[in-house]
N, C-alpha and C. Protein backbone atom coordinates (compact mmCIF):
# COMPACT_ATOMS: atom_id res chain seq x y z
N MET A 1 1.72 -34.74 15.61
CA MET A 1 1.95 -33.65 13.81
C MET A 1 0.89 -33.02 14.44
N LYS A 2 1.10 -32.09 14.30
CA LYS A 2 0.43 -30.94 13.98
C LYS A 2 -0.59 -30.74 13.05
N ASP A 3 -2.35 -30.55 12.89
CA ASP A 3 -3.23 -30.54 12.01
C ASP A 3 -2.36 -29.29 10.98
N GLU A 4 -2.70 -29.32 10.05
CA GLU A 4 -2.51 -28.23 8.86
C GLU A 4 -2.79 -27.09 8.84
N MET A 5 -2.54 -26.25 8.38
CA MET A 5 -2.80 -24.70 7.66
C MET A 5 -3.72 -24.61 7.15
N GLU A 6 -5.38 -23.81 7.02
CA GLU A 6 -6.31 -24.44 6.03
C GLU A 6 -5.53 -23.52 4.77
N LEU A 7 -5.41 -24.18 3.88
CA LEU A 7 -4.86 -23.16 2.48
C LEU A 7 -5.80 -24.01 1.81
N PRO A 8 -5.97 -23.25 0.32
CA PRO A 8 -5.26 -21.86 0.82
C PRO A 8 -6.32 -21.18 0.96
N ILE A 9 -4.96 -19.70 1.36
CA ILE A 9 -5.61 -18.06 1.89
C ILE A 9 -5.44 -17.61 0.70
N LYS A 10 -6.89 -16.88 0.40
CA LYS A 10 -6.69 -15.78 -1.28
C LYS A 10 -7.38 -14.33 -0.93
N SER A 11 -7.06 -14.08 -1.23
CA SER A 11 -7.24 -12.76 -2.11
C SER A 11 -7.99 -12.68 -3.26
N GLU A 12 -8.16 -11.31 -4.08
CA GLU A 12 -9.15 -11.32 -5.04
C GLU A 12 -7.68 -11.45 -5.89
N ARG A 13 -6.33 -10.86 -5.54
CA ARG A 13 -5.39 -11.16 -6.12
C ARG A 13 -4.44 -12.34 -6.41
N LEU A 14 -4.01 -12.40 -4.99
CA LEU A 14 -3.20 -13.54 -4.78
C LEU A 14 -3.98 -15.00 -3.61
N ASN A 15 -2.14 -15.94 -3.91
CA ASN A 15 -3.37 -17.23 -3.32
C ASN A 15 -1.78 -17.42 -2.12
N ILE A 16 -2.49 -18.10 -0.62
CA ILE A 16 -1.03 -18.59 -0.27
C ILE A 16 -0.87 -20.21 -0.06
N THR A 17 -0.43 -20.58 -0.01
CA THR A 17 -0.68 -21.95 -0.41
C THR A 17 1.15 -23.28 -0.01
N GLU A 18 0.50 -24.04 0.56
CA GLU A 18 1.34 -24.91 0.23
C GLU A 18 2.67 -25.03 -0.53
N PHE A 19 3.82 -25.76 -0.71
CA PHE A 19 5.27 -25.39 -1.61
C PHE A 19 4.75 -26.79 -2.15
N ASP A 20 5.47 -27.28 -3.26
CA ASP A 20 5.59 -28.41 -3.56
C ASP A 20 6.44 -28.94 -4.54
N SER A 21 7.42 -29.58 -4.59
CA SER A 21 8.45 -29.95 -5.33
C SER A 21 8.37 -28.80 -6.54
N CYS A 22 7.68 -29.32 -7.60
CA CYS A 22 7.63 -29.19 -8.88
C CYS A 22 8.14 -27.18 -8.80
N MET A 23 8.32 -26.89 -7.66
CA MET A 23 8.78 -25.15 -7.49
C MET A 23 9.85 -24.89 -7.44
N ALA A 24 10.46 -26.00 -7.76
CA ALA A 24 12.22 -25.84 -7.28
C ALA A 24 12.42 -24.71 -8.09
N GLU A 25 12.25 -24.53 -10.17
CA GLU A 25 12.80 -24.03 -10.63
C GLU A 25 12.34 -22.38 -10.77
N SER A 26 11.17 -21.90 -10.21
CA SER A 26 10.93 -20.58 -9.10
C SER A 26 11.27 -20.30 -8.67
N VAL A 27 11.73 -21.30 -7.17
CA VAL A 27 12.21 -20.75 -6.10
C VAL A 27 13.65 -20.22 -6.57
N HIS A 28 14.54 -20.90 -7.67
CA HIS A 28 15.83 -20.89 -7.65
C HIS A 28 15.87 -19.05 -8.56
N LYS A 29 14.73 -18.98 -9.39
CA LYS A 29 14.54 -18.55 -10.04
C LYS A 29 15.07 -16.78 -9.30
N LEU A 30 13.51 -17.06 -7.94
CA LEU A 30 13.24 -15.68 -7.51
C LEU A 30 14.51 -15.60 -6.28
N SER A 31 14.98 -16.18 -5.90
CA SER A 31 16.36 -16.51 -5.15
C SER A 31 17.24 -15.48 -5.22
N LEU A 32 17.57 -15.41 -6.69
CA LEU A 32 18.72 -14.52 -7.68
C LEU A 32 18.63 -13.25 -7.29
N ASP A 33 17.22 -12.77 -7.49
CA ASP A 33 16.70 -11.35 -6.78
C ASP A 33 17.91 -10.84 -5.65
N GLU A 34 17.79 -9.59 -6.91
CA GLU A 34 19.50 -8.37 -6.28
C GLU A 34 19.06 -7.90 -4.92
N ASP A 35 18.06 -8.14 -4.82
CA ASP A 35 17.95 -7.67 -3.00
C ASP A 35 17.44 -8.37 -2.75
N ASN A 36 17.01 -9.73 -2.24
CA ASN A 36 17.07 -10.79 -1.66
C ASN A 36 18.43 -11.33 -2.11
N CYS A 37 19.04 -11.39 -2.55
CA CYS A 37 21.27 -11.51 -3.16
C CYS A 37 21.49 -9.97 -1.08
N ARG A 38 21.12 -9.06 -1.64
CA ARG A 38 21.49 -8.37 -0.55
C ARG A 38 21.01 -8.59 1.04
N PHE A 39 19.40 -8.83 1.16
CA PHE A 39 18.95 -8.73 2.50
C PHE A 39 18.81 -10.31 3.02
N VAL A 40 18.56 -11.36 2.10
CA VAL A 40 19.00 -11.90 3.10
C VAL A 40 18.94 -13.51 2.46
N PRO A 41 20.96 -13.10 1.95
CA PRO A 41 21.59 -13.95 1.29
C PRO A 41 22.05 -15.94 1.78
N ASP A 42 21.21 -15.58 3.06
CA ASP A 42 20.79 -17.75 3.36
C ASP A 42 19.75 -18.35 2.28
N GLU A 43 18.36 -16.91 1.81
CA GLU A 43 17.90 -17.79 0.56
C GLU A 43 18.22 -17.65 -0.65
N VAL A 44 19.34 -17.51 -0.89
CA VAL A 44 19.96 -17.35 -2.85
C VAL A 44 19.99 -19.08 -2.71
N PHE A 45 19.81 -19.57 -3.63
CA PHE A 45 19.81 -20.52 -4.21
C PHE A 45 20.59 -21.00 -5.66
N GLU A 46 22.14 -20.80 -5.55
CA GLU A 46 22.61 -21.09 -6.85
C GLU A 46 21.97 -22.21 -8.24
N THR A 47 21.56 -23.39 -7.63
CA THR A 47 21.30 -24.10 -8.03
C THR A 47 19.25 -24.15 -8.36
N VAL A 48 19.11 -25.18 -9.73
CA VAL A 48 17.63 -26.02 -9.08
C VAL A 48 17.91 -26.56 -8.14
N ASP A 49 18.59 -27.77 -8.05
CA ASP A 49 18.88 -28.77 -7.18
C ASP A 49 19.41 -28.35 -5.87
N GLU A 50 19.68 -27.08 -5.87
CA GLU A 50 19.69 -26.85 -3.77
C GLU A 50 17.99 -25.87 -3.78
N ALA A 51 17.57 -25.43 -4.48
CA ALA A 51 16.06 -24.79 -4.59
C ALA A 51 15.07 -26.32 -4.03
N ARG A 52 15.19 -27.44 -4.86
CA ARG A 52 14.75 -28.74 -4.54
C ARG A 52 14.76 -28.64 -2.91
N LYS A 53 16.28 -29.32 -2.75
CA LYS A 53 17.23 -29.63 -1.46
C LYS A 53 15.95 -29.07 -0.43
N ILE A 54 15.97 -27.25 -0.85
CA ILE A 54 15.52 -26.77 0.38
C ILE A 54 13.92 -27.34 0.48
N LEU A 55 13.45 -27.37 -0.04
CA LEU A 55 12.11 -27.30 -0.59
C LEU A 55 11.65 -29.28 0.12
N GLU A 56 12.74 -29.49 -0.06
CA GLU A 56 12.55 -31.13 0.32
C GLU A 56 11.99 -30.46 2.18
N LYS A 57 12.81 -29.72 2.89
CA LYS A 57 12.44 -29.27 4.05
C LYS A 57 11.94 -28.79 4.14
N ILE A 58 11.57 -27.95 3.45
CA ILE A 58 10.07 -27.20 3.64
C ILE A 58 8.34 -27.82 4.29
N ILE A 59 8.11 -28.63 2.39
CA ILE A 59 7.17 -30.58 1.99
C ILE A 59 7.46 -30.10 4.15
N LYS A 60 8.52 -30.74 3.86
CA LYS A 60 8.75 -31.90 6.31
C LYS A 60 7.78 -30.73 7.33
N TRP A 61 8.64 -29.69 7.40
CA TRP A 61 8.20 -28.98 7.70
C TRP A 61 6.82 -28.44 8.65
N TYR A 62 5.74 -28.67 7.45
CA TYR A 62 4.68 -28.52 7.21
C TYR A 62 3.69 -29.91 8.45
N SER A 63 4.28 -30.70 9.08
CA SER A 63 3.79 -31.54 9.53
C SER A 63 4.87 -31.57 10.73
N GLU A 64 5.69 -30.96 11.36
CA GLU A 64 6.21 -30.70 11.95
C GLU A 64 5.98 -29.48 13.40
N ASP A 65 6.33 -30.23 14.74
CA ASP A 65 5.75 -28.69 15.40
C ASP A 65 6.90 -28.06 15.94
N ASN A 66 6.98 -26.81 16.15
CA ASN A 66 7.57 -25.95 16.06
C ASN A 66 9.07 -25.38 15.10
N ALA A 67 8.58 -26.00 13.66
CA ALA A 67 9.13 -25.15 12.78
C ALA A 67 8.69 -24.12 11.74
N PRO A 68 10.03 -23.71 10.78
CA PRO A 68 9.30 -22.31 10.27
C PRO A 68 8.48 -22.62 9.21
N LEU A 69 7.39 -22.28 8.97
CA LEU A 69 6.24 -22.44 7.99
C LEU A 69 6.66 -21.11 7.28
N ILE A 70 7.01 -22.02 5.74
CA ILE A 70 7.19 -21.22 4.64
C ILE A 70 6.19 -21.70 3.37
N TYR A 71 5.14 -20.04 3.27
CA TYR A 71 4.58 -21.26 1.80
C TYR A 71 4.59 -19.83 0.49
N ALA A 72 4.48 -20.68 -0.81
CA ALA A 72 4.26 -20.53 -1.68
C ALA A 72 3.87 -19.24 -1.91
N VAL A 73 3.53 -17.54 -2.97
CA VAL A 73 2.52 -16.64 -2.90
C VAL A 73 2.40 -16.86 -4.09
N THR A 74 1.13 -16.64 -5.32
CA THR A 74 0.66 -16.73 -6.37
C THR A 74 0.00 -16.45 -6.81
N LEU A 75 0.58 -15.77 -8.47
CA LEU A 75 -0.60 -14.58 -8.38
C LEU A 75 -0.99 -15.19 -10.05
N ASP A 76 -2.38 -15.48 -10.54
CA ASP A 76 -2.81 -16.40 -11.97
C ASP A 76 -2.20 -17.70 -11.90
N GLY A 77 -1.95 -18.00 -10.46
CA GLY A 77 -0.85 -19.80 -10.62
C GLY A 77 -0.14 -19.30 -10.71
N ILE A 78 1.08 -17.88 -10.73
CA ILE A 78 2.69 -18.23 -11.12
C ILE A 78 3.12 -17.74 -10.28
N HIS A 79 4.05 -18.77 -10.00
CA HIS A 79 4.63 -18.43 -7.49
C HIS A 79 5.13 -17.33 -7.81
N ILE A 80 5.31 -16.18 -7.35
CA ILE A 80 5.99 -14.55 -7.59
C ILE A 80 6.69 -14.75 -5.44
N GLY A 81 6.63 -15.22 -4.82
CA GLY A 81 7.40 -15.13 -3.76
C GLY A 81 7.18 -16.07 -2.90
N HIS A 82 7.21 -15.57 -2.05
CA HIS A 82 7.10 -16.82 -0.02
C HIS A 82 6.24 -15.99 1.10
N VAL A 83 5.95 -16.03 1.90
CA VAL A 83 6.02 -16.05 2.83
C VAL A 83 6.08 -16.64 3.98
N GLN A 84 6.73 -16.24 5.21
CA GLN A 84 6.94 -17.35 6.52
C GLN A 84 6.97 -17.06 7.96
N ILE A 85 6.83 -17.56 8.57
CA ILE A 85 6.45 -17.39 10.17
C ILE A 85 7.92 -18.79 10.93
N VAL A 86 8.67 -17.61 11.13
CA VAL A 86 9.58 -18.42 12.04
C VAL A 86 10.03 -18.96 13.60
N PRO A 87 9.85 -19.53 13.90
CA PRO A 87 10.05 -19.47 15.28
C PRO A 87 11.09 -19.07 16.18
N PHE A 88 11.43 -18.28 17.13
CA PHE A 88 12.97 -17.73 17.37
C PHE A 88 12.29 -18.09 18.75
N GLY A 89 12.70 -19.38 19.67
CA GLY A 89 12.84 -19.69 21.17
C GLY A 89 11.22 -19.66 21.20
N LYS A 90 10.53 -18.64 22.07
CA LYS A 90 9.18 -18.99 22.17
C LYS A 90 8.28 -17.59 21.37
N GLU A 91 8.82 -17.21 20.53
CA GLU A 91 8.03 -15.92 19.73
C GLU A 91 8.42 -16.02 18.17
N TRP A 92 7.67 -15.49 17.24
CA TRP A 92 7.62 -15.63 16.14
C TRP A 92 7.55 -14.68 15.34
N GLU A 93 8.65 -15.05 14.62
CA GLU A 93 8.61 -13.99 13.23
C GLU A 93 8.85 -14.11 12.04
N ILE A 94 7.76 -12.93 11.32
CA ILE A 94 7.22 -13.27 9.87
C ILE A 94 8.82 -12.57 8.59
N GLY A 95 8.73 -13.17 7.73
CA GLY A 95 9.57 -12.79 6.88
C GLY A 95 8.33 -13.22 4.70
N TYR A 96 9.33 -12.18 4.03
CA TYR A 96 8.26 -12.51 3.12
C TYR A 96 9.02 -12.08 1.72
N HIS A 97 8.71 -12.38 0.87
CA HIS A 97 9.87 -12.17 -0.78
C HIS A 97 8.44 -12.10 -1.39
N ILE A 98 8.46 -11.18 -2.40
CA ILE A 98 7.96 -11.12 -3.88
C ILE A 98 9.75 -10.47 -4.75
N GLY A 99 9.06 -12.01 -6.00
CA GLY A 99 10.84 -11.43 -6.96
C GLY A 99 10.02 -10.37 -7.84
N LYS A 100 11.78 -9.52 -7.57
CA LYS A 100 11.23 -8.57 -8.14
C LYS A 100 10.41 -8.01 -9.14
N GLU A 101 10.30 -8.39 -10.51
CA GLU A 101 8.86 -8.65 -11.39
C GLU A 101 7.75 -7.97 -10.62
N TYR A 102 8.04 -8.42 -9.82
CA TYR A 102 6.09 -8.37 -9.52
C TYR A 102 6.34 -7.15 -8.37
N THR A 103 7.86 -6.61 -8.17
CA THR A 103 7.59 -5.60 -6.44
C THR A 103 6.70 -3.92 -7.32
N GLY A 104 6.16 -3.54 -6.30
CA GLY A 104 6.13 -2.07 -6.23
C GLY A 104 4.61 -2.05 -7.00
N LYS A 105 3.85 -3.25 -6.93
CA LYS A 105 2.44 -3.35 -7.10
C LYS A 105 2.09 -3.56 -5.35
N GLY A 106 2.27 -4.19 -4.51
CA GLY A 106 1.55 -3.23 -3.22
C GLY A 106 1.44 -5.40 -3.00
N TYR A 107 2.22 -6.01 -3.68
CA TYR A 107 2.01 -7.40 -3.01
C TYR A 107 2.30 -7.99 -1.73
N ALA A 108 3.59 -7.72 -1.48
CA ALA A 108 4.13 -8.22 -0.01
C ALA A 108 2.84 -7.01 1.25
N THR A 109 2.89 -6.36 0.95
CA THR A 109 1.87 -5.78 1.84
C THR A 109 0.57 -6.62 1.91
N GLU A 110 0.50 -6.48 1.14
CA GLU A 110 -1.33 -7.67 0.49
C GLU A 110 -0.99 -9.28 1.63
N VAL A 111 0.13 -9.53 0.80
CA VAL A 111 0.32 -10.92 1.27
C VAL A 111 0.64 -10.91 2.81
N VAL A 112 1.01 -9.84 3.22
CA VAL A 112 1.27 -10.55 4.78
C VAL A 112 -0.15 -9.98 6.06
N ARG A 113 -0.64 -8.95 5.00
CA ARG A 113 -2.01 -8.69 5.82
C ARG A 113 -3.33 -9.75 5.99
N LEU A 114 -3.31 -10.67 4.32
CA LEU A 114 -3.90 -11.74 4.24
C LEU A 114 -3.23 -12.61 5.35
N PHE A 115 -2.01 -13.39 5.21
CA PHE A 115 -1.37 -14.48 6.24
C PHE A 115 -1.29 -14.40 7.88
N LEU A 116 -1.20 -12.57 8.74
CA LEU A 116 -0.74 -13.05 9.63
C LEU A 116 -2.69 -12.78 10.21
N PRO A 117 -4.12 -12.66 9.62
CA PRO A 117 -4.89 -13.29 10.90
C PRO A 117 -4.80 -14.74 11.17
N ASP A 118 -4.28 -15.76 9.84
CA ASP A 118 -4.65 -17.43 9.80
C ASP A 118 -3.33 -17.68 10.44
N ILE A 119 -2.46 -17.51 10.83
CA ILE A 119 -1.84 -17.91 10.60
C ILE A 119 -1.29 -17.40 12.56
N MET A 120 -1.75 -16.25 12.96
CA MET A 120 -1.79 -16.29 14.81
C MET A 120 -2.59 -17.33 14.80
N LYS A 121 -3.90 -16.87 14.53
CA LYS A 121 -5.24 -17.77 15.43
C LYS A 121 -4.02 -19.36 15.56
N TYR A 122 -3.10 -20.14 13.65
CA TYR A 122 -3.44 -21.42 13.76
C TYR A 122 -2.64 -21.87 14.52
N LEU A 123 -1.71 -20.32 14.88
CA LEU A 123 0.00 -20.88 16.16
C LEU A 123 -0.38 -20.63 17.56
N ASP A 124 -2.07 -19.54 17.95
CA ASP A 124 -2.13 -19.08 19.32
C ASP A 124 -1.55 -18.38 19.59
N ILE A 125 -1.21 -17.23 18.63
CA ILE A 125 -0.42 -16.45 19.22
C ILE A 125 -0.50 -14.85 19.13
N THR A 126 -0.89 -14.00 20.37
CA THR A 126 -0.95 -12.66 20.19
C THR A 126 -0.16 -11.90 19.72
N LYS A 127 1.30 -11.94 19.95
CA LYS A 127 2.54 -11.25 19.42
C LYS A 127 3.54 -11.89 17.79
N ILE A 128 3.70 -11.31 17.12
CA ILE A 128 4.45 -11.17 16.19
C ILE A 128 5.38 -10.64 15.51
N TYR A 129 6.85 -10.95 15.53
CA TYR A 129 7.97 -10.43 14.99
C TYR A 129 8.61 -10.05 13.65
N GLY A 130 9.00 -8.48 13.23
CA GLY A 130 9.96 -8.29 11.98
C GLY A 130 10.81 -8.05 12.18
N LEU A 131 11.16 -8.53 11.40
CA LEU A 131 13.36 -7.61 11.75
C LEU A 131 13.23 -7.17 9.87
N CYS A 132 14.16 -6.29 9.99
CA CYS A 132 14.40 -6.22 8.14
C CYS A 132 16.13 -5.64 8.97
N HIS A 133 16.04 -5.83 7.43
CA HIS A 133 18.17 -4.37 7.51
C HIS A 133 17.52 -3.05 7.42
N ALA A 134 17.86 -2.30 8.21
CA ALA A 134 17.22 -0.62 8.40
C ALA A 134 17.41 0.06 6.15
N ASP A 135 18.46 -0.68 6.36
CA ASP A 135 18.42 -0.51 4.44
C ASP A 135 17.31 -0.81 3.34
N ASN A 136 16.60 -1.80 4.09
CA ASN A 136 15.17 -2.38 3.48
C ASN A 136 14.17 -1.94 3.76
N ILE A 137 14.19 -0.01 3.23
CA ILE A 137 13.00 0.55 3.47
C ILE A 137 11.34 -0.55 2.76
N ALA A 138 11.39 -1.01 2.00
CA ALA A 138 10.54 -1.61 1.53
C ALA A 138 10.04 -2.24 2.30
N SER A 139 10.77 -2.88 2.74
CA SER A 139 10.78 -4.12 3.99
C SER A 139 9.82 -3.55 5.14
N CYS A 140 10.47 -2.56 5.18
CA CYS A 140 10.55 -2.27 6.50
C CYS A 140 8.29 -0.77 6.47
N ARG A 141 8.35 -0.70 5.47
CA ARG A 141 7.23 -0.08 5.07
C ARG A 141 5.86 -1.52 5.13
N VAL A 142 6.15 -1.98 4.66
CA VAL A 142 5.49 -3.42 4.42
C VAL A 142 4.47 -3.56 5.65
N LEU A 143 5.91 -4.09 6.88
CA LEU A 143 5.50 -3.95 8.64
C LEU A 143 4.36 -3.14 9.35
N GLU A 144 5.03 -1.19 9.31
CA GLU A 144 4.21 -0.61 8.92
C GLU A 144 3.34 -0.58 8.61
N LYS A 145 2.58 -0.75 7.09
CA LYS A 145 1.41 -0.72 6.49
C LYS A 145 0.44 -1.69 6.96
N ASN A 146 1.07 -2.76 7.83
CA ASN A 146 0.29 -4.00 8.18
C ASN A 146 0.48 -4.04 9.74
N GLY A 147 1.02 -2.72 10.29
CA GLY A 147 0.08 -2.13 11.40
C GLY A 147 1.63 -3.03 13.08
N PHE A 148 2.67 -3.02 12.65
CA PHE A 148 3.45 -3.43 13.06
C PHE A 148 4.31 -2.24 13.27
N VAL A 149 4.57 -2.38 15.42
CA VAL A 149 5.45 -1.03 15.31
C VAL A 149 6.79 -0.90 15.86
N LEU A 150 7.87 0.21 14.94
CA LEU A 150 9.10 -0.42 16.06
C LEU A 150 9.22 -0.10 17.40
N GLU A 151 10.12 -1.30 17.10
CA GLU A 151 10.38 -1.79 18.55
C GLU A 151 12.31 -1.35 18.78
N PHE A 152 12.82 -1.46 17.41
CA PHE A 152 14.11 -0.86 18.14
C PHE A 152 14.40 -0.90 17.00
N SER A 153 15.73 -0.62 16.89
CA SER A 153 16.94 0.17 15.10
C SER A 153 18.29 1.01 15.97
N GLY A 154 18.48 0.03 15.19
CA GLY A 154 20.35 0.37 15.74
C GLY A 154 21.38 -1.06 15.49
N MET A 155 21.91 -1.23 15.61
CA MET A 155 22.82 -2.76 15.67
C MET A 155 22.31 -3.69 15.94
N GLY A 156 22.36 -3.92 15.30
CA GLY A 156 21.94 -5.24 16.06
C GLY A 156 22.69 -7.15 15.45
N LYS A 157 21.84 -8.50 15.36
CA LYS A 157 22.66 -9.06 14.78
C LYS A 157 21.33 -9.17 13.78
N TYR A 158 22.36 -9.64 12.17
CA TYR A 158 21.16 -9.89 10.98
C TYR A 158 21.29 -10.75 10.26
N GLN A 159 21.27 -12.02 9.92
CA GLN A 159 21.58 -13.13 9.13
C GLN A 159 23.17 -13.67 9.48
N ASN A 160 24.05 -13.74 10.67
CA ASN A 160 25.01 -13.95 11.27
C ASN A 160 25.99 -13.06 11.04
N LYS A 161 25.41 -11.72 10.91
CA LYS A 161 26.30 -10.08 11.37
C LYS A 161 25.85 -9.53 11.80
N ILE A 162 26.79 -8.73 12.49
CA ILE A 162 25.96 -6.90 13.07
C ILE A 162 25.84 -5.93 11.25
N ALA A 163 24.49 -5.62 11.94
CA ALA A 163 24.24 -4.73 10.76
C ALA A 163 23.15 -3.71 11.57
N ASN A 164 22.44 -2.37 10.86
CA ASN A 164 22.13 -1.98 11.55
C ASN A 164 20.67 -2.41 10.77
N ILE A 165 19.39 -2.56 12.51
CA ILE A 165 18.07 -3.45 11.83
C ILE A 165 17.11 -2.45 12.35
N CYS A 166 15.84 -3.00 11.74
CA CYS A 166 14.69 -2.58 12.71
C CYS A 166 13.96 -3.76 12.85
N ARG A 167 13.54 -3.62 14.10
CA ARG A 167 12.66 -4.61 14.98
C ARG A 167 11.49 -4.22 15.34
N TYR A 168 10.90 -5.03 14.14
CA TYR A 168 9.23 -4.24 14.88
C TYR A 168 8.52 -5.75 15.25
N VAL A 169 6.96 -5.04 15.83
CA VAL A 169 6.62 -5.78 16.36
C VAL A 169 5.06 -5.55 16.85
N LYS A 170 4.41 -6.85 16.59
CA LYS A 170 2.67 -6.42 15.80
C LYS A 170 1.74 -7.29 17.65
N ILE A 171 1.11 -6.88 18.66
CA ILE A 171 0.18 -7.67 19.43
C ILE A 171 -0.81 -7.81 18.39
N ASN A 172 -1.58 -7.91 18.70
CA ASN A 172 -3.04 -8.40 18.34
C ASN A 172 -3.64 -8.68 19.28
N ASN A 173 -4.64 -8.68 20.25
CA ASN A 173 -5.18 -9.46 21.13
C ASN A 173 -6.82 -9.88 21.29
N ASN A 174 -6.83 -10.06 19.71
CA ASN A 174 -8.61 -9.70 19.29
C ASN A 174 -8.10 -11.71 18.33
N ILE A 175 -6.97 -12.26 18.81
CA ILE A 175 -6.83 -13.34 18.12
C ILE A 175 -7.47 -14.95 18.99
């Protein structure tokens, strides 16, 4: 079992913290956002019970090696989204979602900027990837604003289908 990540990670506006089972209703509600349904359909939970079941997995993963690490993003104590890092092979990929009613305020950019140094240090990594559907312009901008560099643009595997994707990489040798 690995040590836990030092949480919460805080900025003036946002907190990154572990999920708990009482967040099932907000996870369910946020998952139904139009953009979430379009770009990450595997993160859509049709019922609160489905959300509760995935939260049980997420909470279990906190104590497992090489498991996805998915954290709640809160604003004034309200769950507004999540940020995650997911292993694929020996590499790691960042992901994030901010609920539609909270978009356009810079929260996704801020949470990625807040999360990167701590998670890269925690995992002892110097390279992290970001993968977006090419039509998800906002997500591409979040990565670019956080120093990710476009590594590939074109057709590739996305959500178990072939789609037009953008793959970004960020290298930080100061970790």
